[in-house]
Amino acid sequence: MSSPFYLILLFAVFISHRGATTEAAVEESVTDINGKPLRTDTAYFILPVVRGRGGGLTISKLCPNTVHQDQNEVSEGIPLNFSPSVKSRFIRVSTDLNFMFSLATIWKLENMDQRTNQTFISTCGVGGNPGQTTISNWFKIDKFEDDYKIRFCPTVCDFCRVICRNIGVFVEGGKRSLVLSDVPLKVMFKRA
């Protein structure tokens, strides 16, 4: 039964579904401290929400270069760009991302350190090429209460098995290194 009524009904369903998808996409965007969506063509500082426990994220000067939180609370750290596994202008919540410092260094999950029993985040990653060989280079930004957290839980490989964990801080000798953790570092983003 092909009547104009059914075509109008089908068109109305399509328009309402399309509007809902657009609204959901806007709601899913990660936002900076000014409420603006994070963009792939813009660099941002990752700052702790809780003050008094260090500043922005930076790179250690010791080899291997690990990602850590600056000890100086007023430091904004080094700006980062985000590159999603799927082409997009905006950064969406819970999307696989490469985290890249402006120095063209990409985050990577390292093997567990036997001495400390911690799994550190280094800057030895490779950008792009989502799949089995780059699985350790993909991270996500997730909502956490009214703010955000970073998680390692890549979905860029259909048959790979990964353990999903939050990214938190491990303190040793005054150095605040980023590691897999049960306690997430609550973060916010400031345009560089």
Protein backbone atom coordinates (compact mmCIF):
# COMPACT_ATOMS: atom_id res chain seq x y z
CA MET A 1 0.00 0.00 0.00
CA SER A 2 1.87 2.97 -1.27
CA SER A 3 0.01 6.13 -0.36
CA PRO A 4 1.12 9.70 0.30
CA PHE A 5 0.22 9.22 4.00
CA TYR A 6 2.83 6.45 4.39
CA LEU A 7 5.48 8.54 2.61
CA ILE A 8 4.76 11.50 4.89
CA LEU A 9 4.92 9.23 7.95
CA LEU A 10 8.22 7.72 6.77
CA PHE A 11 9.65 11.20 6.15
CA ALA A 12 8.53 12.37 9.64
CA VAL A 13 10.21 9.36 11.27
CA PHE A 14 13.41 10.03 9.29
CA ILE A 15 13.47 13.73 10.29
CA SER A 16 12.79 13.02 13.99
CA HIS A 17 15.47 10.30 14.07
CA ARG A 18 17.96 12.57 12.30
CA GLY A 19 17.30 15.41 14.80
CA ALA A 20 17.77 13.08 17.75
CA THR A 21 21.04 11.82 16.33
CA THR A 22 22.33 15.36 15.85
CA GLU A 23 21.35 16.31 19.42
CA ALA A 24 22.98 13.15 20.79
CA ALA A 25 26.17 13.89 18.86
CA VAL A 26 26.35 17.39 20.35
CA GLU A 27 25.76 15.96 23.83
CA GLU A 28 28.50 13.38 23.29
CA SER A 29 31.17 15.96 22.52
CA VAL A 30 33.95 16.43 25.05
CA THR A 31 33.98 20.08 26.11
CA ASP A 32 36.69 22.41 27.34
CA ILE A 33 36.55 24.59 30.47
CA ASN A 34 34.53 27.17 28.50
CA GLY A 35 31.91 24.61 27.42
CA LYS A 36 33.09 24.51 23.79
CA PRO A 37 33.49 21.12 22.04
CA LEU A 38 37.06 19.86 21.66
CA ARG A 39 38.24 19.95 18.05
CA THR A 40 40.75 17.75 16.26
CA ASP A 41 42.55 20.79 14.78
CA THR A 42 43.14 22.48 18.14
CA ALA A 43 45.64 21.79 20.95
CA TYR A 44 44.56 21.57 24.59
CA PHE A 45 46.12 21.38 28.02
CA ILE A 46 44.91 18.49 30.18
CA LEU A 47 44.57 19.84 33.71
CA PRO A 48 43.57 18.18 36.98
CA VAL A 49 40.16 19.14 38.33
CA VAL A 50 41.32 18.68 41.94
CA ARG A 51 43.84 21.40 42.80
CA GLY A 52 46.78 20.91 45.15
CA ARG A 53 48.01 17.68 43.58
CA GLY A 54 50.12 18.82 40.66
CA GLY A 55 49.59 20.67 37.41
CA GLY A 56 49.08 19.84 33.74
CA LEU A 57 50.42 16.85 31.84
CA THR A 58 53.93 16.80 30.43
CA ILE A 59 56.75 14.41 29.50
CA SER A 60 59.41 13.13 31.87
CA LYS A 61 63.02 13.93 31.05
CA LEU A 62 64.11 10.43 31.98
CA CYS A 63 64.22 7.58 29.48
CA PRO A 64 61.92 6.03 28.57
CA ASN A 65 59.88 9.21 28.27
CA THR A 66 56.72 8.72 30.30
CA VAL A 67 53.68 10.93 30.58
CA HIS A 68 53.42 12.56 33.94
CA GLN A 69 51.72 15.34 35.82
CA ASP A 70 53.87 18.40 36.47
CA GLN A 71 54.68 18.82 40.17
CA ASN A 72 54.06 22.56 39.92
CA GLU A 73 50.34 23.14 40.44
CA VAL A 74 50.25 26.31 38.32
CA SER A 75 51.94 24.63 35.34
CA GLU A 76 49.61 23.92 32.43
CA GLY A 77 52.00 21.30 31.04
CA ILE A 78 52.41 20.67 27.31
CA PRO A 79 49.48 21.05 24.86
CA LEU A 80 48.05 17.94 23.23
CA ASN A 81 46.06 17.18 20.12
CA PHE A 82 43.62 14.31 19.79
CA SER A 83 43.21 12.19 16.70
CA PRO A 84 40.14 9.92 16.59
CA SER A 85 40.17 6.49 14.95
CA VAL A 86 37.21 7.62 12.82
CA LYS A 87 37.49 10.92 10.94
CA SER A 88 35.71 13.72 12.79
CA ARG A 89 36.14 17.44 13.47
CA PHE A 90 35.10 17.06 17.11
CA ILE A 91 36.23 14.83 19.95
CA ARG A 92 33.42 12.59 21.18
CA VAL A 93 33.09 10.93 24.58
CA SER A 94 34.25 7.27 24.64
CA THR A 95 35.84 7.42 21.18
CA ASP A 96 39.21 5.76 20.45
CA LEU A 97 41.82 8.53 20.29
CA ASN A 98 45.54 8.97 19.81
CA PHE A 99 46.80 11.51 22.38
CA MET A 100 49.66 13.50 20.84
CA PHE A 101 51.81 16.14 22.49
CA SER A 102 52.59 19.06 20.19
CA LEU A 103 56.11 17.61 19.99
CA ALA A 104 54.66 14.83 17.76
CA THR A 105 54.93 12.22 20.50
CA ILE A 106 52.03 9.80 20.83
CA TRP A 107 50.86 8.11 24.01
CA LYS A 108 51.34 4.38 24.37
CA LEU A 109 50.52 1.89 27.10
CA GLU A 110 53.73 0.14 28.13
CA ASN A 111 54.20 -3.35 29.58
CA MET A 112 53.95 -3.65 33.34
CA ASP A 113 57.07 -2.50 35.17
CA GLN A 114 58.18 -5.40 37.39
CA ARG A 115 59.87 -3.17 39.98
CA THR A 116 56.87 -0.95 40.68
CA ASN A 117 54.11 -3.31 39.52
CA GLN A 118 52.70 -0.39 37.49
CA THR A 119 51.76 -0.04 33.81
CA PHE A 120 53.03 3.37 32.67
CA ILE A 121 51.98 5.59 29.77
CA SER A 122 54.93 6.48 27.52
CA THR A 123 55.39 8.63 24.43
CA CYS A 124 56.56 5.80 22.19
CA GLY A 125 53.28 5.33 20.31
CA VAL A 126 52.47 5.34 16.62
CA GLY A 127 49.58 7.41 15.28
CA GLY A 128 46.71 6.15 13.19
CA ASN A 129 46.33 2.68 11.66
CA PRO A 130 43.65 1.42 14.10
CA GLY A 131 44.06 -2.32 14.62
CA GLN A 132 45.94 -5.09 16.36
CA THR A 133 49.44 -3.66 15.89
CA THR A 134 48.51 -0.26 17.37
CA ILE A 135 46.12 -1.38 20.09
CA SER A 136 48.29 0.07 22.88
CA ASN A 137 48.17 3.58 21.33
CA TRP A 138 44.42 4.22 21.75
CA PHE A 139 42.78 5.91 24.73
CA LYS A 140 39.35 7.34 25.49
CA ILE A 141 37.94 10.37 27.26
CA ASP A 142 34.92 9.38 29.35
CA LYS A 143 32.48 11.33 31.49
CA PHE A 144 33.29 11.08 35.20
CA GLU A 145 30.78 12.67 37.51
CA ASP A 146 30.56 16.26 36.17
CA ASP A 147 34.02 16.14 34.62
CA TYR A 148 36.15 13.71 32.57
CA LYS A 149 38.61 10.89 33.00
CA ILE A 150 40.97 9.14 30.59
CA ARG A 151 40.66 5.41 30.06
CA PHE A 152 42.53 2.70 28.25
CA CYS A 153 39.81 0.59 26.64
CA PRO A 154 40.45 0.49 22.88
CA THR A 155 37.88 -0.92 20.50
CA VAL A 156 39.93 -0.48 17.30
CA CYS A 157 40.46 -4.25 17.02
CA ASP A 158 37.41 -6.54 16.87
CA PHE A 159 39.20 -9.70 17.98
CA CYS A 160 41.76 -8.23 20.43
CA ARG A 161 41.21 -8.77 24.12
CA VAL A 162 42.08 -5.79 26.29
CA ILE A 163 41.69 -5.03 29.97
CA CYS A 164 39.87 -1.73 30.39
CA ARG A 165 41.31 0.48 33.12
CA ASN A 166 41.31 4.12 34.15
CA ILE A 167 44.37 6.32 33.83
CA GLY A 168 45.48 7.60 37.21
CA VAL A 169 48.62 8.85 38.93
CA PHE A 170 51.42 6.83 40.55
CA VAL A 171 53.66 8.89 42.87
CA GLU A 172 57.25 7.82 43.44
CA GLY A 173 60.06 10.10 44.57
CA GLY A 174 57.91 13.18 43.99
CA LYS A 175 57.29 12.22 40.35
CA ARG A 176 53.60 11.86 39.37
CA SER A 177 53.49 9.35 36.49
CA LEU A 178 50.38 8.37 34.52
CA VAL A 179 49.55 4.67 34.93
CA LEU A 180 46.67 2.23 34.69
CA SER A 181 44.74 2.68 37.91
CA ASP A 182 41.53 1.89 39.76
CA VAL A 183 41.44 5.56 40.84
CA PRO A 184 41.02 7.85 37.81
CA LEU A 185 42.63 11.25 37.49
CA LYS A 186 39.72 13.66 37.11
CA VAL A 187 40.61 16.07 34.28
CA MET A 188 39.46 19.12 32.36
CA PHE A 189 40.61 20.59 29.07
CA LYS A 190 41.84 24.13 28.37
CA ARG A 191 42.41 25.42 24.86
CA ALA A 192 46.12 26.16 24.31
